[in-house]
Amino acid sequence: MIEQVPLQYYLLLSAALFTIGAAGVLIRRNTLIILMCVEMMMNAVNLTFIAFSRYLESATGQIFVFMILAVAAVEVAFGLALLVELNRHKDTVDINVFNSLKG
Protein backbone atom coordinates (compact mmCIF):
# COMPACT_ATOMS: atom_id res chain seq x y z
CA MET A 1 0.00 0.00 0.00
CA ILE A 2 1.36 3.43 -0.98
CA GLU A 3 1.27 6.08 1.71
CA GLN A 4 0.81 9.68 0.66
CA VAL A 5 3.00 12.51 1.83
CA PRO A 6 1.06 14.80 4.21
CA LEU A 7 -0.01 18.22 2.99
CA GLN A 8 2.05 19.94 5.71
CA TYR A 9 5.31 18.65 4.21
CA TYR A 10 4.51 20.20 0.86
CA LEU A 11 3.56 23.48 2.51
CA LEU A 12 6.77 23.55 4.57
CA LEU A 13 8.85 22.88 1.47
CA SER A 14 6.98 25.57 -0.42
CA ALA A 15 7.47 28.08 2.40
CA ALA A 16 11.18 27.28 2.55
CA LEU A 17 11.57 27.74 -1.22
CA PHE A 18 9.64 30.99 -1.15
CA THR A 19 11.73 32.31 1.76
CA ILE A 20 14.99 31.43 0.01
CA GLY A 21 13.75 33.15 -3.15
CA ALA A 22 12.63 36.27 -1.29
CA ALA A 23 15.95 36.46 0.55
CA GLY A 24 17.77 36.14 -2.76
CA VAL A 25 15.77 39.00 -4.28
CA LEU A 26 16.40 41.24 -1.27
CA ILE A 27 20.07 40.42 -0.69
CA ARG A 28 21.69 39.73 -4.06
CA ARG A 29 22.73 42.44 -6.51
CA ASN A 30 23.26 40.28 -9.61
CA THR A 31 20.32 40.66 -11.97
CA LEU A 32 20.48 37.06 -13.21
CA ILE A 33 20.38 35.74 -9.65
CA ILE A 34 17.41 38.00 -8.87
CA LEU A 35 15.52 36.65 -11.90
CA MET A 36 16.25 33.07 -10.80
CA CYS A 37 15.03 33.86 -7.28
CA VAL A 38 11.78 35.26 -8.68
CA GLU A 39 11.37 32.02 -10.62
CA MET A 40 12.00 30.06 -7.42
CA MET A 41 9.27 32.05 -5.68
CA MET A 42 6.85 31.34 -8.53
CA ASN A 43 7.64 27.62 -8.34
CA ALA A 44 7.02 27.67 -4.59
CA VAL A 45 3.57 29.10 -5.24
CA ASN A 46 3.03 26.45 -7.94
CA LEU A 47 3.93 23.72 -5.46
CA THR A 48 1.37 25.11 -3.01
CA PHE A 49 -1.34 25.19 -5.69
CA ILE A 50 -0.59 21.61 -6.75
CA ALA A 51 -0.54 20.38 -3.14
CA PHE A 52 -3.91 21.97 -2.35
CA SER A 53 -5.33 20.82 -5.67
CA ARG A 54 -4.45 17.24 -4.84
CA TYR A 55 -5.61 17.58 -1.23
CA LEU A 56 -8.99 19.03 -2.24
CA GLU A 57 -9.26 16.73 -5.28
CA SER A 58 -9.93 19.65 -7.61
CA ALA A 59 -8.27 20.64 -10.88
CA THR A 60 -8.56 24.38 -10.22
CA GLY A 61 -5.09 24.64 -8.69
CA GLN A 62 -3.55 22.89 -11.66
CA ILE A 63 -5.18 25.36 -14.03
CA PHE A 64 -3.66 28.23 -12.02
CA VAL A 65 -0.26 26.53 -12.29
CA PHE A 66 -0.47 26.54 -16.09
CA MET A 67 -1.32 30.25 -16.02
CA ILE A 68 1.61 30.97 -13.70
CA LEU A 69 3.94 28.98 -15.95
CA ALA A 70 2.84 31.10 -18.91
CA VAL A 71 3.53 34.28 -16.95
CA ALA A 72 6.91 32.88 -15.89
CA ALA A 73 7.85 32.15 -19.50
CA VAL A 74 7.00 35.71 -20.53
CA GLU A 75 8.91 37.08 -17.52
CA VAL A 76 12.01 35.10 -18.44
CA ALA A 77 11.90 36.18 -22.08
CA PHE A 78 11.30 39.84 -21.25
CA GLY A 79 13.75 39.90 -18.33
CA LEU A 80 16.58 38.32 -20.26
CA ALA A 81 16.00 40.56 -23.29
CA LEU A 82 16.06 43.61 -21.04
CA LEU A 83 19.16 42.33 -19.27
CA VAL A 84 21.01 41.75 -22.55
CA GLU A 85 20.17 45.26 -23.72
CA LEU A 86 21.26 46.83 -20.43
CA ASN A 87 24.44 44.77 -20.46
CA ARG A 88 25.32 46.19 -23.89
CA HIS A 89 25.18 49.72 -22.51
CA LYS A 90 26.83 49.24 -19.10
CA ASP A 91 28.91 46.03 -19.48
CA THR A 92 27.74 44.68 -16.11
CA VAL A 93 24.81 42.83 -14.55
CA ASP A 94 25.03 44.63 -11.20
CA ILE A 95 21.63 46.04 -10.24
CA ASN A 96 23.14 49.13 -8.56
CA VAL A 97 24.69 50.29 -11.84
CA PHE A 98 21.29 50.12 -13.54
CA ASN A 99 19.97 52.59 -11.00
CA SER A 100 21.95 55.32 -12.79
CA LEU A 101 19.75 54.88 -15.91
CA LYS A 102 16.91 56.85 -14.32
CA GLY A 103 15.86 59.76 -16.49
C-alpha atoms as a PDB file:
ATOM      1  CA  MET A   1       0.000   0.000   0.000  1.00  0.00           C
ATOM      2  CA  ILE A   2       1.356   3.427  -0.982  1.00  0.00           C
ATOM      3  CA  GLU A   3       1.272   6.085   1.707  1.00  0.00           C
ATOM      4  CA  GLN A   4       0.814   9.682   0.661  1.00  0.00           C
ATOM      5  CA  VAL A   5       2.996  12.506   1.835  1.00  0.00           C
ATOM      6  CA  PRO A   6       1.056  14.798   4.210  1.00  0.00           C
ATOM      7  CA  LEU A   7      -0.009  18.225   2.989  1.00  0.00           C
ATOM      8  CA  GLN A   8       2.050  19.938   5.710  1.00  0.00           C
ATOM      9  CA  TYR A   9       5.306  18.645   4.207  1.00  0.00           C
ATOM     10  CA  TYR A  10       4.510  20.203   0.857  1.00  0.00           C
ATOM     11  CA  LEU A  11       3.559  23.480   2.509  1.00  0.00           C
ATOM     12  CA  LEU A  12       6.769  23.553   4.571  1.00  0.00           C
ATOM     13  CA  LEU A  13       8.855  22.878   1.470  1.00  0.00           C
ATOM     14  CA  SER A  14       6.977  25.566  -0.422  1.00  0.00           C
ATOM     15  CA  ALA A  15       7.466  28.082   2.401  1.00  0.00           C
ATOM     16  CA  ALA A  16      11.181  27.279   2.546  1.00  0.00           C
ATOM     17  CA  LEU A  17      11.575  27.736  -1.222  1.00  0.00           C
ATOM     18  CA  PHE A  18       9.638  30.993  -1.150  1.00  0.00           C
ATOM     19  CA  THR A  19      11.732  32.306   1.760  1.00  0.00           C
ATOM     20  CA  ILE A  20      14.988  31.433   0.015  1.00  0.00           C
ATOM     21  CA  GLY A  21      13.751  33.146  -3.152  1.00  0.00           C
ATOM     22  CA  ALA A  22      12.626  36.272  -1.287  1.00  0.00           C
ATOM     23  CA  ALA A  23      15.954  36.455   0.553  1.00  0.00           C
ATOM     24  CA  GLY A  24      17.770  36.140  -2.764  1.00  0.00           C
ATOM     25  CA  VAL A  25      15.768  38.997  -4.278  1.00  0.00           C
ATOM     26  CA  LEU A  26      16.400  41.240  -1.273  1.00  0.00           C
ATOM     27  CA  ILE A  27      20.071  40.421  -0.691  1.00  0.00           C
ATOM     28  CA  ARG A  28      21.692  39.725  -4.057  1.00  0.00           C
ATOM     29  CA  ARG A  29      22.725  42.437  -6.511  1.00  0.00           C
ATOM     30  CA  ASN A  30      23.259  40.281  -9.607  1.00  0.00           C
ATOM     31  CA  THR A  31      20.320  40.662 -11.970  1.00  0.00           C
ATOM     32  CA  LEU A  32      20.478  37.064 -13.209  1.00  0.00           C
ATOM     33  CA  ILE A  33      20.377  35.745  -9.649  1.00  0.00           C
ATOM     34  CA  ILE A  34      17.415  37.998  -8.872  1.00  0.00           C
ATOM     35  CA  LEU A  35      15.523  36.655 -11.896  1.00  0.00           C
ATOM     36  CA  MET A  36      16.250  33.073 -10.803  1.00  0.00           C
ATOM     37  CA  CYS A  37      15.031  33.863  -7.282  1.00  0.00           C
ATOM     38  CA  VAL A  38      11.780  35.264  -8.678  1.00  0.00           C
ATOM     39  CA  GLU A  39      11.371  32.015 -10.624  1.00  0.00           C
ATOM     40  CA  MET A  40      11.997  30.059  -7.420  1.00  0.00           C
ATOM     41  CA  MET A  41       9.273  32.051  -5.679  1.00  0.00           C
ATOM     42  CA  MET A  42       6.845  31.340  -8.530  1.00  0.00           C
ATOM     43  CA  ASN A  43       7.639  27.625  -8.343  1.00  0.00           C
ATOM     44  CA  ALA A  44       7.021  27.672  -4.588  1.00  0.00           C
ATOM     45  CA  VAL A  45       3.569  29.096  -5.242  1.00  0.00           C
ATOM     46  CA  ASN A  46       3.034  26.447  -7.935  1.00  0.00           C
ATOM     47  CA  LEU A  47       3.932  23.721  -5.456  1.00  0.00           C
ATOM     48  CA  THR A  48       1.365  25.106  -3.008  1.00  0.00           C
ATOM     49  CA  PHE A  49      -1.337  25.190  -5.688  1.00  0.00           C
ATOM     50  CA  ILE A  50      -0.594  21.610  -6.746  1.00  0.00           C
ATOM     51  CA  ALA A  51      -0.544  20.379  -3.135  1.00  0.00           C
ATOM     52  CA  PHE A  52      -3.907  21.969  -2.346  1.00  0.00           C
ATOM     53  CA  SER A  53      -5.330  20.816  -5.675  1.00  0.00           C
ATOM     54  CA  ARG A  54      -4.451  17.240  -4.837  1.00  0.00           C
ATOM     55  CA  TYR A  55      -5.612  17.585  -1.234  1.00  0.00           C
ATOM     56  CA  LEU A  56      -8.989  19.029  -2.238  1.00  0.00           C
ATOM     57  CA  GLU A  57      -9.265  16.735  -5.281  1.00  0.00           C
ATOM     58  CA  SER A  58      -9.927  19.653  -7.607  1.00  0.00           C
ATOM     59  CA  ALA A  59      -8.271  20.639 -10.882  1.00  0.00           C
ATOM     60  CA  THR A  60      -8.556  24.375 -10.223  1.00  0.00           C
ATOM     61  CA  GLY A  61      -5.092  24.641  -8.687  1.00  0.00           C
ATOM     62  CA  GLN A  62      -3.549  22.889 -11.659  1.00  0.00           C
ATOM     63  CA  ILE A  63      -5.178  25.363 -14.030  1.00  0.00           C
ATOM     64  CA  PHE A  64      -3.656  28.226 -12.023  1.00  0.00           C
ATOM     65  CA  VAL A  65      -0.262  26.530 -12.289  1.00  0.00           C
ATOM     66  CA  PHE A  66      -0.474  26.541 -16.092  1.00  0.00           C
ATOM     67  CA  MET A  67      -1.323  30.246 -16.020  1.00  0.00           C
ATOM     68  CA  ILE A  68       1.607  30.972 -13.695  1.00  0.00           C
ATOM     69  CA  LEU A  69       3.940  28.979 -15.945  1.00  0.00           C
ATOM     70  CA  ALA A  70       2.843  31.095 -18.912  1.00  0.00           C
ATOM     71  CA  VAL A  71       3.529  34.285 -16.951  1.00  0.00           C
ATOM     72  CA  ALA A  72       6.909  32.883 -15.888  1.00  0.00           C
ATOM     73  CA  ALA A  73       7.851  32.154 -19.503  1.00  0.00           C
ATOM     74  CA  VAL A  74       6.998  35.706 -20.525  1.00  0.00           C
ATOM     75  CA  GLU A  75       8.907  37.080 -17.515  1.00  0.00           C
ATOM     76  CA  VAL A  76      12.011  35.099 -18.436  1.00  0.00           C
ATOM     77  CA  ALA A  77      11.896  36.175 -22.079  1.00  0.00           C
ATOM     78  CA  PHE A  78      11.301  39.838 -21.251  1.00  0.00           C
ATOM     79  CA  GLY A  79      13.745  39.898 -18.330  1.00  0.00           C
ATOM     80  CA  LEU A  80      16.582  38.322 -20.263  1.00  0.00           C
ATOM     81  CA  ALA A  81      16.000  40.560 -23.293  1.00  0.00           C
ATOM     82  CA  LEU A  82      16.063  43.611 -21.039  1.00  0.00           C
ATOM     83  CA  LEU A  83      19.158  42.332 -19.272  1.00  0.00           C
ATOM     84  CA  VAL A  84      21.013  41.749 -22.549  1.00  0.00           C
ATOM     85  CA  GLU A  85      20.171  45.264 -23.723  1.00  0.00           C
ATOM     86  CA  LEU A  86      21.255  46.830 -20.435  1.00  0.00           C
ATOM     87  CA  ASN A  87      24.441  44.771 -20.461  1.00  0.00           C
ATOM     88  CA  ARG A  88      25.315  46.186 -23.894  1.00  0.00           C
ATOM     89  CA  HIS A  89      25.180  49.723 -22.507  1.00  0.00           C
ATOM     90  CA  LYS A  90      26.828  49.243 -19.097  1.00  0.00           C
ATOM     91  CA  ASP A  91      28.915  46.027 -19.480  1.00  0.00           C
ATOM     92  CA  THR A  92      27.743  44.679 -16.113  1.00  0.00           C
ATOM     93  CA  VAL A  93      24.815  42.832 -14.555  1.00  0.00           C
ATOM     94  CA  ASP A  94      25.028  44.635 -11.195  1.00  0.00           C
ATOM     95  CA  ILE A  95      21.631  46.040 -10.243  1.00  0.00           C
ATOM     96  CA  ASN A  96      23.138  49.127  -8.559  1.00  0.00           C
ATOM     97  CA  VAL A  97      24.686  50.293 -11.844  1.00  0.00           C
ATOM     98  CA  PHE A  98      21.286  50.124 -13.542  1.00  0.00           C
ATOM     99  CA  ASN A  99      19.967  52.593 -10.999  1.00  0.00           C
ATOM    100  CA  SER A 100      21.945  55.316 -12.795  1.00  0.00           C
ATOM    101  CA  LEU A 101      19.755  54.878 -15.912  1.00  0.00           C
ATOM    102  CA  LYS A 102      16.910  56.848 -14.321  1.00  0.00           C
ATOM    103  CA  GLY A 103      15.862  59.764 -16.494  1.00  0.00           C
END
